[in-house]
């Protein structure tokens, strides 16, 4: 049973496309020890980074 930030119970997110390594919204840590948020459980913490490959003129 999960709770939101106010303590109310919330429904368990769908297990479809959900990473089996997710533990309480976290997928573990990266190579530098920073926690990796789950896209399904914590979408507000997941940051999409766009990298542009360009060369200066």
PDB file of N, CA and C in Angstrom:
ATOM      1  N   UNK A   1       0.841  -1.161   0.000  1.00  0.00           N
ATOM      2  CA  UNK A   1       0.000   0.000   0.000  1.00  0.00           C
ATOM      3  C   UNK A   1       0.896   1.238   0.000  1.00  0.00           C
ATOM      4  N   UNK A   2       0.676   2.132  -0.939  1.00  0.00           N
ATOM      5  CA  UNK A   2       1.462   3.351  -1.037  1.00  0.00           C
ATOM      6  C   UNK A   2       0.668   4.533  -0.510  1.00  0.00           C
ATOM      7  N   UNK A   3       1.399   5.529  -0.051  1.00  0.00           N
ATOM      8  CA  UNK A   3       0.789   6.755   0.457  1.00  0.00           C
ATOM      9  C   UNK A   3       1.378   7.947  -0.272  1.00  0.00           C
ATOM     10  N   UNK A   4       0.544   8.972  -0.482  1.00  0.00           N
ATOM     11  CA  UNK A   4       1.066  10.188  -1.097  1.00  0.00           C
ATOM     12  C   UNK A   4       1.674  11.076  -0.013  1.00  0.00           C
ATOM     13  N   UNK A   5       2.081  12.299  -0.391  1.00  0.00           N
ATOM     14  CA  UNK A   5       2.784  13.156   0.552  1.00  0.00           C
ATOM     15  C   UNK A   5       1.922  13.624   1.711  1.00  0.00           C
ATOM     16  N   UNK A   6       0.592  13.525   1.580  1.00  0.00           N
ATOM     17  CA  UNK A   6      -0.295  13.922   2.671  1.00  0.00           C
ATOM     18  C   UNK A   6      -0.690  12.741   3.547  1.00  0.00           C
ATOM     19  N   UNK A   7      -0.288  11.542   3.186  1.00  0.00           N
ATOM     20  CA  UNK A   7      -0.608  10.357   3.972  1.00  0.00           C
ATOM     21  C   UNK A   7      -1.796   9.574   3.463  1.00  0.00           C
ATOM     22  N   UNK A   8      -2.495  10.089   2.451  1.00  0.00           N
ATOM     23  CA  UNK A   8      -3.627   9.368   1.877  1.00  0.00           C
ATOM     24  C   UNK A   8      -3.111   8.192   1.063  1.00  0.00           C
ATOM     25  N   UNK A   9      -3.888   7.118   1.056  1.00  0.00           N
ATOM     26  CA  UNK A   9      -3.481   5.957   0.269  1.00  0.00           C
ATOM     27  C   UNK A   9      -3.721   6.240  -1.212  1.00  0.00           C
ATOM     28  N   UNK A  10      -2.842   5.724  -2.034  1.00  0.00           N
ATOM     29  CA  UNK A  10      -2.972   5.862  -3.484  1.00  0.00           C
ATOM     30  C   UNK A  10      -2.904   4.490  -4.106  1.00  0.00           C
ATOM     31  N   UNK A  11      -3.459   4.399  -5.306  1.00  0.00           N
ATOM     32  CA  UNK A  11      -3.443   3.123  -6.005  1.00  0.00           C
ATOM     33  C   UNK A  11      -2.043   2.787  -6.479  1.00  0.00           C
ATOM     34  N   UNK A  12      -1.754   1.518  -6.484  1.00  0.00           N
ATOM     35  CA  UNK A  12      -0.468   1.040  -7.009  1.00  0.00           C
ATOM     36  C   UNK A  12      -0.446   1.294  -8.506  1.00  0.00           C
ATOM     37  N   UNK A  13       0.628   1.892  -9.031  1.00  0.00           N
ATOM     38  CA  UNK A  13       0.684   2.099 -10.472  1.00  0.00           C
ATOM     39  C   UNK A  13       0.669   0.770 -11.227  1.00  0.00           C
ATOM     40  N   UNK A  14       0.234   0.834 -12.450  1.00  0.00           N
ATOM     41  CA  UNK A  14       0.171  -0.349 -13.287  1.00  0.00           C
ATOM     42  C   UNK A  14       1.549  -0.991 -13.402  1.00  0.00           C
ATOM     43  N   UNK A  15       1.593  -2.316 -13.412  1.00  0.00           N
ATOM     44  CA  UNK A  15       2.868  -3.006 -13.530  1.00  0.00           C
ATOM     45  C   UNK A  15       3.310  -3.142 -14.978  1.00  0.00           C
ATOM     46  N   UNK A  16       2.450  -2.731 -15.922  1.00  0.00           N
ATOM     47  CA  UNK A  16       2.843  -2.763 -17.319  1.00  0.00           C
ATOM     48  C   UNK A  16       3.910  -1.713 -17.571  1.00  0.00           C
ATOM     49  N   UNK A  17       4.964  -2.078 -18.244  1.00  0.00           N
ATOM     50  CA  UNK A  17       6.095  -1.225 -18.566  1.00  0.00           C
ATOM     51  C   UNK A  17       6.818  -0.719 -17.329  1.00  0.00           C
ATOM     52  N   UNK A  18       6.513  -1.258 -16.183  1.00  0.00           N
ATOM     53  CA  UNK A  18       7.148  -0.824 -14.943  1.00  0.00           C
ATOM     54  C   UNK A  18       8.401  -1.657 -14.705  1.00  0.00           C
ATOM     55  N   UNK A  19       9.478  -0.981 -14.370  1.00  0.00           N
ATOM     56  CA  UNK A  19      10.754  -1.654 -14.161  1.00  0.00           C
ATOM     57  C   UNK A  19      10.676  -2.563 -12.935  1.00  0.00           C
ATOM     58  N   UNK A  20      11.046  -3.831 -13.064  1.00  0.00           N
ATOM     59  CA  UNK A  20      10.979  -4.744 -11.918  1.00  0.00           C
ATOM     60  C   UNK A  20      11.999  -4.396 -10.835  1.00  0.00           C
ATOM     61  N   UNK A  21      12.976  -3.561 -11.129  1.00  0.00           N
ATOM     62  CA  UNK A  21      13.975  -3.165 -10.134  1.00  0.00           C
ATOM     63  C   UNK A  21      13.523  -1.986  -9.280  1.00  0.00           C
ATOM     64  N   UNK A  22      12.331  -1.447  -9.535  1.00  0.00           N
ATOM     65  CA  UNK A  22      11.836  -0.289  -8.795  1.00  0.00           C
ATOM     66  C   UNK A  22      11.557  -0.677  -7.356  1.00  0.00           C
ATOM     67  N   UNK A  23      12.140   0.100  -6.445  1.00  0.00           N
ATOM     68  CA  UNK A  23      11.916  -0.096  -5.014  1.00  0.00           C
ATOM     69  C   UNK A  23      11.522   1.250  -4.421  1.00  0.00           C
ATOM     70  N   UNK A  24      10.244   1.393  -4.078  1.00  0.00           N
ATOM     71  CA  UNK A  24       9.714   2.633  -3.495  1.00  0.00           C
ATOM     72  C   UNK A  24       9.973   3.835  -4.396  1.00  0.00           C
ATOM     73  N   UNK A  25       9.922   3.631  -5.714  1.00  0.00           N
ATOM     74  CA  UNK A  25      10.084   4.731  -6.648  1.00  0.00           C
ATOM     75  C   UNK A  25      11.503   4.983  -7.111  1.00  0.00           C
ATOM     76  N   UNK A  26      12.434   4.149  -6.691  1.00  0.00           N
ATOM     77  CA  UNK A  26      13.841   4.335  -7.063  1.00  0.00           C
ATOM     78  C   UNK A  26      14.381   3.085  -7.740  1.00  0.00           C
ATOM     79  N   UNK A  27      15.222   3.291  -8.740  1.00  0.00           N
ATOM     80  CA  UNK A  27      15.775   2.181  -9.518  1.00  0.00           C
ATOM     81  C   UNK A  27      17.200   1.840  -9.111  1.00  0.00           C
ATOM     82  N   UNK A  28      17.684   2.431  -8.068  1.00  0.00           N
ATOM     83  CA  UNK A  28      19.060   2.193  -7.639  1.00  0.00           C
ATOM     84  C   UNK A  28      19.858   3.476  -7.788  1.00  0.00           C
ATOM     85  N   UNK A  29      21.138   3.332  -8.085  1.00  0.00           N
ATOM     86  CA  UNK A  29      22.004   4.507  -8.202  1.00  0.00           C
ATOM     87  C   UNK A  29      22.844   4.411  -9.470  1.00  0.00           C
ATOM     88  N   UNK A  30      23.255   5.578  -9.967  1.00  0.00           N
ATOM     89  CA  UNK A  30      24.124   5.589 -11.137  1.00  0.00           C
ATOM     90  C   UNK A  30      25.572   5.367 -10.696  1.00  0.00           C
ATOM     91  N   UNK A  31      26.502   5.501 -11.619  1.00  0.00           N
ATOM     92  CA  UNK A  31      27.910   5.211 -11.319  1.00  0.00           C
ATOM     93  C   UNK A  31      28.519   6.192 -10.316  1.00  0.00           C
ATOM     94  N   UNK A  32      27.879   7.358 -10.138  1.00  0.00           N
ATOM     95  CA  UNK A  32      28.380   8.345  -9.186  1.00  0.00           C
ATOM     96  C   UNK A  32      27.620   8.321  -7.863  1.00  0.00           C
ATOM     97  N   UNK A  33      26.727   7.358  -7.701  1.00  0.00           N
ATOM     98  CA  UNK A  33      26.003   7.201  -6.449  1.00  0.00           C
ATOM     99  C   UNK A  33      24.723   8.003  -6.333  1.00  0.00           C
ATOM    100  N   UNK A  34      24.310   8.694  -7.399  1.00  0.00           N
ATOM    101  CA  UNK A  34      23.071   9.472  -7.368  1.00  0.00           C
ATOM    102  C   UNK A  34      21.887   8.546  -7.604  1.00  0.00           C
ATOM    103  N   UNK A  35      20.793   8.714  -6.835  1.00  0.00           N
ATOM    104  CA  UNK A  35      19.621   7.845  -7.030  1.00  0.00           C
ATOM    105  C   UNK A  35      18.945   8.107  -8.370  1.00  0.00           C
ATOM    106  N   UNK A  36      18.429   7.034  -8.962  1.00  0.00           N
ATOM    107  CA  UNK A  36      17.736   7.109 -10.244  1.00  0.00           C
ATOM    108  C   UNK A  36      16.244   6.949  -9.977  1.00  0.00           C
ATOM    109  N   UNK A  37      15.419   7.985 -10.305  1.00  0.00           N
ATOM    110  CA  UNK A  37      13.978   7.868 -10.061  1.00  0.00           C
ATOM    111  C   UNK A  37      13.299   6.989 -11.108  1.00  0.00           C
ATOM    112  N   UNK A  38      12.232   6.350 -10.699  1.00  0.00           N
ATOM    113  CA  UNK A  38      11.416   5.541 -11.606  1.00  0.00           C
ATOM    114  C   UNK A  38      10.518   6.464 -12.415  1.00  0.00           C
ATOM    115  N   UNK A  39      10.437   6.266 -13.737  1.00  0.00           N
ATOM    116  CA  UNK A  39       9.585   7.094 -14.604  1.00  0.00           C
ATOM    117  C   UNK A  39       8.111   6.967 -14.248  1.00  0.00           C
ATOM    118  N   UNK A  40       7.676   5.804 -13.803  1.00  0.00           N
ATOM    119  CA  UNK A  40       6.266   5.578 -13.499  1.00  0.00           C
ATOM    120  C   UNK A  40       5.908   6.146 -12.121  1.00  0.00           C
ATOM    121  N   UNK A  41       6.716   5.852 -11.118  1.00  0.00           N
ATOM    122  CA  UNK A  41       6.401   6.254  -9.741  1.00  0.00           C
ATOM    123  C   UNK A  41       6.726   7.711  -9.433  1.00  0.00           C
ATOM    124  N   UNK A  42       7.786   8.227 -10.013  1.00  0.00           N
ATOM    125  CA  UNK A  42       8.227   9.585  -9.712  1.00  0.00           C
ATOM    126  C   UNK A  42       8.499  10.363 -11.003  1.00  0.00           C
ATOM    127  N   UNK A  43       7.463  10.571 -11.824  1.00  0.00           N
ATOM    128  CA  UNK A  43       7.688  11.256 -13.099  1.00  0.00           C
ATOM    129  C   UNK A  43       8.139  12.703 -12.930  1.00  0.00           C
ATOM    130  N   UNK A  44       7.787  13.327 -11.801  1.00  0.00           N
ATOM    131  CA  UNK A  44       8.182  14.716 -11.575  1.00  0.00           C
ATOM    132  C   UNK A  44       9.676  14.858 -11.296  1.00  0.00           C
ATOM    133  N   UNK A  45      10.354  13.765 -10.956  1.00  0.00           N
ATOM    134  CA  UNK A  45      11.788  13.824 -10.687  1.00  0.00           C
ATOM    135  C   UNK A  45      12.637  13.418 -11.880  1.00  0.00           C
ATOM    136  N   UNK A  46      12.005  12.787 -12.866  1.00  0.00           N
ATOM    137  CA  UNK A  46      12.765  12.317 -14.012  1.00  0.00           C
ATOM    138  C   UNK A  46      12.994  13.470 -14.974  1.00  0.00           C
ATOM    139  N   UNK A  47      14.223  13.680 -15.353  1.00  0.00           N
ATOM    140  CA  UNK A  47      14.574  14.793 -16.236  1.00  0.00           C
ATOM    141  C   UNK A  47      15.019  14.226 -17.573  1.00  0.00           C
ATOM    142  N   UNK A  48      14.308  14.611 -18.625  1.00  0.00           N
ATOM    143  CA  UNK A  48      14.737  14.234 -19.972  1.00  0.00           C
ATOM    144  C   UNK A  48      15.790  15.236 -20.403  1.00  0.00           C
ATOM    145  N   UNK A  49      16.903  14.738 -20.840  1.00  0.00           N
ATOM    146  CA  UNK A  49      17.964  15.629 -21.293  1.00  0.00           C
ATOM    147  C   UNK A  49      18.110  15.496 -22.793  1.00  0.00           C
ATOM    148  N   UNK A  50      18.104  16.623 -23.464  1.00  0.00           N
ATOM    149  CA  UNK A  50      18.269  16.651 -24.907  1.00  0.00           C
ATOM    150  C   UNK A  50      19.696  17.083 -25.178  1.00  0.00           C
ATOM    151  N   UNK A  51      20.399  16.263 -25.943  1.00  0.00           N
ATOM    152  CA  UNK A  51      21.774  16.573 -26.284  1.00  0.00           C
ATOM    153  C   UNK A  51      21.835  16.826 -27.766  1.00  0.00           C
ATOM    154  N   UNK A  52      22.352  17.977 -28.109  1.00  0.00           N
ATOM    155  CA  UNK A  52      22.486  18.344 -29.512  1.00  0.00           C
ATOM    156  C   UNK A  52      23.942  18.157 -29.939  1.00  0.00           C
ATOM    157  N   UNK A  53      24.100  17.489 -31.042  1.00  0.00           N
ATOM    158  CA  UNK A  53      25.450  17.309 -31.593  1.00  0.00           C
ATOM    159  C   UNK A  53      25.663  18.398 -32.648  1.00  0.00           C
ATOM    160  N   UNK A  54      26.423  19.392 -32.293  1.00  0.00           N
ATOM    161  CA  UNK A  54      26.694  20.472 -33.231  1.00  0.00           C
ATOM    162  C   UNK A  54      28.150  20.910 -33.080  1.00  0.00           C
ATOM    163  N   UNK A  55      28.629  21.474 -34.106  1.00  0.00           N
ATOM    164  CA  UNK A  55      30.008  21.955 -34.094  1.00  0.00           C
ATOM    165  C   UNK A  55      29.995  23.474 -34.206  1.00  0.00           C
ATOM    166  N   UNK A  56      30.842  24.155 -33.436  1.00  0.00           N
ATOM    167  CA  UNK A  56      30.895  25.615 -33.549  1.00  0.00           C
ATOM    168  C   UNK A  56      31.409  26.019 -34.916  1.00  0.00           C
ATOM    169  N   UNK A  57      30.907  27.154 -35.405  1.00  0.00           N
ATOM    170  CA  UNK A  57      31.318  27.641 -36.726  1.00  0.00           C
ATOM    171  C   UNK A  57      32.633  28.353 -36.656  1.00  0.00           C
TER     172      UNK A  57
END
